[in-house]
Protein backbone atom coordinates (compact mmCIF):
# COMPACT_ATOMS: atom_id res chain seq x y z
CA MET A 1 -22.82 -9.77 -9.34
CA THR A 2 -21.26 -13.21 -9.57
CA GLN A 3 -23.32 -16.32 -9.03
CA ALA A 4 -22.18 -19.56 -7.45
CA LEU A 5 -22.23 -22.72 -9.52
CA PRO A 6 -25.33 -24.80 -8.82
CA ALA A 7 -25.25 -28.35 -7.44
CA GLY A 8 -21.83 -29.59 -6.54
CA GLY A 9 -19.84 -26.37 -6.79
CA PRO A 10 -17.10 -25.62 -9.29
CA GLN A 11 -15.09 -28.81 -8.81
CA ALA A 12 -16.81 -30.73 -11.60
CA LEU A 13 -16.24 -27.89 -14.06
CA TYR A 14 -12.55 -27.51 -13.26
CA ALA A 15 -11.99 -31.26 -13.39
CA ASP A 16 -13.66 -31.30 -16.79
CA LEU A 17 -11.40 -28.49 -18.01
CA ASP A 18 -8.34 -30.33 -16.71
CA SER A 19 -9.38 -33.45 -18.60
CA LEU A 20 -9.15 -31.47 -21.85
CA GLY A 21 -5.52 -30.69 -21.11
CA GLY A 22 -3.32 -28.01 -22.65
CA PHE A 23 -4.68 -24.50 -22.64
CA PHE A 24 -7.96 -25.54 -21.01
CA ALA A 25 -6.43 -26.24 -17.59
CA LEU A 26 -7.28 -23.80 -14.82
CA ALA A 27 -5.82 -23.74 -11.32
CA ALA A 28 -8.81 -22.86 -9.17
CA PRO A 29 -7.54 -22.16 -6.63
CA PRO A 30 -3.78 -22.24 -7.25
CA PRO A 31 -1.99 -24.81 -5.06
CA PRO A 32 -0.57 -23.59 -1.75
CA GLY A 33 2.85 -22.05 -2.14
CA SER A 34 2.49 -21.43 -5.86
CA ASP A 35 3.99 -18.38 -7.53
CA ALA A 36 0.61 -17.16 -8.83
CA VAL A 37 0.02 -13.43 -8.60
CA PRO A 38 -2.87 -11.15 -9.64
CA TRP A 39 -3.32 -10.45 -13.36
CA ALA A 40 -2.17 -6.86 -12.92
CA GLU A 41 1.19 -8.12 -11.62
CA VAL A 42 1.48 -10.63 -14.47
CA LEU A 43 1.09 -7.68 -16.85
CA SER A 44 3.40 -5.30 -14.97
CA PRO A 45 6.28 -3.82 -17.00
CA ALA A 46 8.93 -5.66 -14.98
CA ALA A 47 7.21 -9.05 -15.20
CA LEU A 48 6.42 -8.73 -18.90
CA THR A 49 9.92 -7.52 -19.79
CA ALA A 50 11.42 -10.56 -18.06
CA ARG A 51 8.85 -12.86 -19.65
CA PHE A 52 9.51 -11.55 -23.15
CA ALA A 53 13.23 -12.08 -22.60
CA ALA A 54 12.70 -15.66 -21.41
CA VAL A 55 10.48 -16.48 -24.39
CA ARG A 56 13.05 -14.91 -26.72
CA THR A 57 15.74 -17.13 -25.23
CA ALA A 58 13.54 -20.20 -25.65
CA LEU A 59 12.73 -19.31 -29.27
CA ALA A 60 16.40 -18.78 -30.03
CA GLY A 61 17.29 -22.16 -28.56
CA SER A 62 14.58 -24.01 -30.47
CA SER A 63 15.51 -22.25 -33.73
CA GLY A 64 19.28 -22.60 -33.40
CA LEU A 65 19.78 -18.85 -33.38
CA ALA A 66 21.67 -16.37 -31.29
CA GLU A 67 19.28 -14.60 -28.95
CA ASP A 68 19.81 -11.22 -30.56
CA ALA A 69 18.87 -12.75 -33.92
CA VAL A 70 15.30 -13.30 -32.71
CA ASP A 71 13.10 -10.26 -33.26
CA LEU A 72 11.77 -9.26 -29.85
CA LYS A 73 8.32 -8.69 -31.37
CA VAL A 74 8.15 -12.41 -32.14
CA ALA A 75 8.66 -13.14 -28.44
CA VAL A 76 6.03 -10.55 -27.49
CA SER A 77 3.56 -12.08 -29.94
CA ALA A 78 4.27 -15.63 -28.71
CA THR A 79 3.83 -14.60 -25.09
CA GLN A 80 0.60 -12.76 -25.73
CA VAL A 81 -1.05 -15.38 -27.93
CA GLY A 82 -0.27 -18.03 -25.30
CA LEU A 83 -2.03 -16.09 -22.56
CA ALA A 84 -4.95 -15.15 -24.83
CA SER A 85 -5.35 -18.80 -25.84
CA ARG A 86 -5.68 -19.84 -22.22
CA LEU A 87 -8.33 -17.22 -21.48
CA TRP A 88 -10.41 -18.13 -24.54
CA SER A 89 -10.01 -21.90 -24.16
CA VAL A 90 -11.25 -21.85 -20.57
CA ALA A 91 -14.09 -19.45 -21.35
CA LEU A 92 -15.30 -21.34 -24.41
CA ALA A 93 -15.23 -24.76 -22.79
CA ALA A 94 -16.89 -23.57 -19.58
CA VAL A 95 -19.79 -22.03 -21.47
CA VAL A 96 -20.29 -24.81 -23.99
CA LEU A 97 -19.92 -27.72 -21.58
CA HIS A 98 -21.39 -26.25 -18.38
CA ARG A 99 -23.33 -23.08 -19.25
CA TRP A 100 -21.31 -21.29 -16.61
CA VAL A 101 -18.46 -18.80 -16.90
CA PRO A 102 -15.76 -18.59 -14.24
CA ASP A 103 -15.00 -14.99 -13.33
CA LEU A 104 -12.17 -14.43 -15.81
CA SER A 105 -12.04 -10.69 -15.25
CA ALA A 106 -8.75 -9.01 -14.43
CA SER A 107 -9.72 -8.72 -10.76
CA CYS A 108 -10.04 -12.51 -10.36
CA VAL A 109 -7.51 -14.04 -12.77
CA VAL A 110 -4.10 -15.01 -11.41
CA ALA A 111 -1.08 -16.63 -13.05
CA SER A 112 2.61 -17.22 -12.67
CA PRO A 113 4.49 -14.06 -13.61
CA VAL A 114 7.23 -16.04 -15.35
CA HIS A 115 7.46 -18.07 -18.55
CA ARG A 116 6.63 -21.73 -17.88
CA GLY A 117 5.61 -20.99 -14.29
CA GLY A 118 3.62 -23.42 -12.19
CA VAL A 119 0.27 -21.70 -12.72
CA PRO A 120 -0.29 -20.80 -16.40
CA LEU A 121 -3.77 -19.53 -15.48
CA GLY A 122 -5.81 -19.65 -12.30
CA LEU A 123 -8.53 -17.97 -10.28
CA ALA A 124 -8.26 -16.20 -6.96
CA ARG A 125 -11.94 -16.89 -6.25
CA PRO A 126 -12.80 -20.30 -7.73
CA GLY A 127 -16.46 -20.13 -6.76
CA ALA A 128 -17.03 -16.82 -8.51
CA GLY A 129 -18.69 -16.91 -11.89
CA TYR A 130 -21.81 -16.43 -13.93
CA ALA A 131 -24.58 -18.83 -14.87
CA VAL A 132 -25.60 -18.20 -18.49
CA ALA A 133 -29.09 -18.87 -19.76
CA ASP A 134 -28.03 -19.29 -23.39
CA LEU A 135 -25.16 -18.56 -25.75
CA GLY A 136 -26.33 -15.03 -26.42
CA HIS A 137 -26.24 -14.29 -22.71
CA ALA A 138 -22.78 -15.88 -22.58
CA VAL A 139 -21.49 -13.34 -25.11
CA THR A 140 -22.64 -10.50 -22.87
CA VAL A 141 -20.86 -12.02 -19.88
CA LEU A 142 -17.67 -12.78 -21.84
CA ALA A 143 -17.62 -9.29 -23.29
CA HIS A 144 -17.61 -7.90 -19.75
CA THR A 145 -15.19 -10.33 -18.10
CA VAL A 146 -12.79 -11.33 -20.88
CA VAL A 147 -12.97 -8.99 -23.89
CA ASP A 148 -13.21 -5.70 -22.00
CA SER A 149 -11.23 -6.74 -18.91
CA SER A 150 -8.50 -9.40 -18.78
CA LEU A 151 -7.96 -9.54 -22.56
CA ALA A 152 -8.04 -5.78 -23.03
CA GLY A 153 -5.47 -5.42 -20.25
CA LEU A 154 -3.25 -7.99 -21.94
CA HIS A 155 -3.41 -6.05 -25.22
CA ARG A 156 -2.60 -2.73 -23.59
CA ALA A 157 0.31 -4.10 -21.59
CA CYS A 158 1.92 -5.98 -24.48
CA ALA A 159 1.50 -2.99 -26.78
CA ALA A 160 3.12 -0.65 -24.26
CA VAL A 161 5.87 -2.87 -22.83
CA GLY A 162 6.51 -4.93 -25.96
CA ARG A 163 6.15 -2.02 -28.40
CA THR A 164 4.01 -4.22 -30.61
CA PRO A 165 1.12 -2.92 -32.75
CA THR A 166 -2.29 -3.46 -31.20
CA ARG A 167 -3.52 -4.93 -34.50
CA VAL A 168 -1.06 -7.82 -34.11
CA LEU A 169 -2.22 -8.50 -30.56
CA VAL A 170 -5.96 -8.24 -31.26
CA SER A 171 -5.71 -10.52 -34.28
CA ASN A 172 -3.67 -12.99 -32.20
CA SER A 173 -6.51 -13.11 -29.68
CA THR A 174 -9.29 -13.56 -32.22
CA SER A 175 -7.28 -16.30 -33.93
CA ALA A 176 -6.82 -17.91 -30.51
CA LEU A 177 -10.60 -17.92 -30.00
CA VAL A 178 -11.15 -19.71 -33.32
CA GLY A 179 -8.31 -22.11 -32.51
CA ALA A 180 -9.89 -22.94 -29.16
CA ALA A 181 -13.11 -23.93 -30.96
CA ARG A 182 -11.15 -26.25 -33.25
CA VAL A 183 -9.46 -27.99 -30.33
CA LEU A 184 -12.61 -28.24 -28.20
CA SER A 185 -14.52 -29.65 -31.19
CA ARG A 186 -11.93 -32.40 -31.60
CA HIS A 187 -12.05 -33.29 -27.90
CA ARG A 188 -15.84 -33.07 -27.59
CA PRO A 189 -17.49 -33.57 -30.99
CA ASP A 190 -20.93 -33.49 -29.39
CA ALA A 191 -20.24 -29.90 -28.27
CA ALA A 192 -18.81 -28.70 -31.58
CA ALA A 193 -22.00 -27.06 -32.86
CA ASP A 194 -22.37 -24.95 -29.72
CA ALA A 195 -18.67 -24.06 -29.72
CA TRP A 196 -18.85 -22.72 -33.26
CA THR A 197 -22.14 -20.93 -32.61
CA LEU A 198 -20.54 -19.14 -29.66
CA VAL A 199 -17.50 -18.21 -31.76
CA ARG A 200 -19.72 -16.73 -34.47
CA LEU A 201 -21.63 -14.68 -31.90
CA LEU A 202 -18.38 -13.42 -30.40
CA LEU A 203 -17.07 -12.49 -33.85
CA ASP A 204 -19.98 -10.05 -34.04
CA HIS A 205 -18.55 -8.15 -31.06
CA PRO A 206 -16.59 -5.15 -32.44
CA ALA A 207 -13.50 -5.73 -30.28
CA VAL A 208 -13.31 -9.38 -31.39
CA ALA A 209 -14.24 -8.67 -35.01
CA ALA A 210 -11.32 -6.23 -35.15
CA GLY A 211 -9.07 -9.30 -35.13
CA GLY A 212 -10.54 -11.29 -38.01
CA ARG A 213 -13.54 -12.45 -40.00
CA VAL A 214 -15.11 -15.46 -41.70
CA VAL A 215 -14.89 -15.52 -45.50
CA PRO A 216 -15.99 -17.95 -48.26
CA ARG A 217 -13.24 -20.48 -48.89
CA SER A 218 -13.98 -20.26 -52.60
CA ASP A 219 -12.42 -16.76 -52.53
CA LEU A 220 -9.07 -18.16 -51.33
CA ASP A 221 -6.20 -20.30 -52.53
CA GLU A 222 -6.50 -23.81 -51.08
CA ARG A 223 -3.47 -23.16 -48.87
CA VAL A 224 -5.01 -20.07 -47.28
CA GLY A 225 -7.56 -19.65 -44.50
CA GLY A 226 -7.98 -21.01 -41.00
CA ALA A 227 -10.35 -23.95 -40.64
CA MET A 228 -13.88 -23.20 -39.47
CA GLU A 229 -16.89 -25.40 -38.80
CA HIS A 230 -17.78 -25.92 -42.45
CA ALA A 231 -15.54 -26.79 -45.39
CA ASP A 232 -16.82 -23.90 -47.49
CA GLU A 233 -15.73 -21.18 -45.07
CA ALA A 234 -12.43 -19.95 -43.63
CA PHE A 235 -11.12 -17.56 -41.00
CA LEU A 236 -8.75 -14.71 -41.87
CA ARG A 237 -7.00 -12.47 -39.37
CA THR A 238 -6.56 -8.73 -39.72
CA GLY A 239 -2.94 -8.90 -38.58
CA CYS A 240 0.14 -11.10 -38.62
CA CYS A 241 1.65 -12.89 -35.64
CA VAL A 242 5.15 -12.28 -37.14
CA PHE A 243 6.22 -15.89 -36.46
CA TYR A 244 7.31 -16.05 -40.11
CA ARG A 245 10.45 -14.21 -38.97
CA LEU A 246 11.66 -17.44 -37.38
CA PRO A 247 13.59 -19.89 -39.60
CA GLY A 248 11.38 -22.64 -40.96
CA HIS A 249 8.12 -20.92 -39.99
CA GLY A 250 6.24 -19.44 -42.91
CA LEU A 251 2.92 -17.67 -42.82
CA CYS A 252 0.03 -19.17 -40.90
CA PRO A 253 -2.98 -20.11 -43.09
CA ASP A 254 -5.15 -17.44 -41.45
CA CYS A 255 -2.53 -14.66 -41.75
CA VAL A 256 -3.57 -11.33 -43.23
CA LEU A 257 -0.61 -11.68 -45.61
CA ALA A 258 -1.52 -15.20 -46.76
CA PRO A 259 -4.02 -14.36 -49.54
CA ASP A 260 -1.30 -12.46 -51.43
CA ARG A 261 1.47 -14.92 -50.55
CA PRO A 262 -0.07 -18.41 -50.53
CA GLN A 263 3.29 -19.94 -51.53
CA ASP A 264 4.70 -18.83 -48.16
CA VAL A 265 2.06 -20.58 -46.04
CA THR A 266 3.69 -23.29 -43.94
CA GLY A 267 2.54 -22.65 -40.40
CA PRO A 268 -0.38 -24.50 -38.79
CA ASP A 269 -3.68 -22.91 -37.82
CA HIS A 270 -3.36 -21.29 -34.40
């Protein structure tokens, strides 16, 4: 059962998320007349097929390529990691800053069904959510609402419609979680310790751990490994986002291929 936010309602939380900008913004509720639709419609075959095509066109334009020269799986990966990043950024910041989780399950999340739509991510029921007693409790809630619901649906849909291996999609999502902690830590240094603690707890969840792990940095070339909380550790994915197939974009530091090909690492941490 969802629980209403205490004292003052959800407005303070959503304003705080908006102040972080980027992937942390949440339309709750979406503005009147917006094109936001339920998550299931965002992930429908027709909507995803059109979205992949639009992202492919955008990638071709930014890379100076003909559209058919862009591997469609790159567009699928870019689409999916963008949506996963929004889910994890909102979830992480809400827990760490407010000890409350908006209901980010598939039954409550809404979004524009098109690339660069007016509502990148929103909620149909802005007052619905879960108070969390501590970070351990937050993991239980996030496993139910994000990992096993909205995120799992995103993986299934992109694998089926985009014909992309699940390993790519799952590792994209886990990398997005770690990336969200990096960004939140830069915006709110006082919350960094909690952000990284929550990430570590989530990385113990099997469905999240399937996407990557923390390793000693001493085991890696200096060019390899996604940044973590401490300088002596690094994050490595279990898959590759395939962005290296675009001109000028090498391997990301956290890529599963990077340890064997450190000379090809040029991309930023996700």
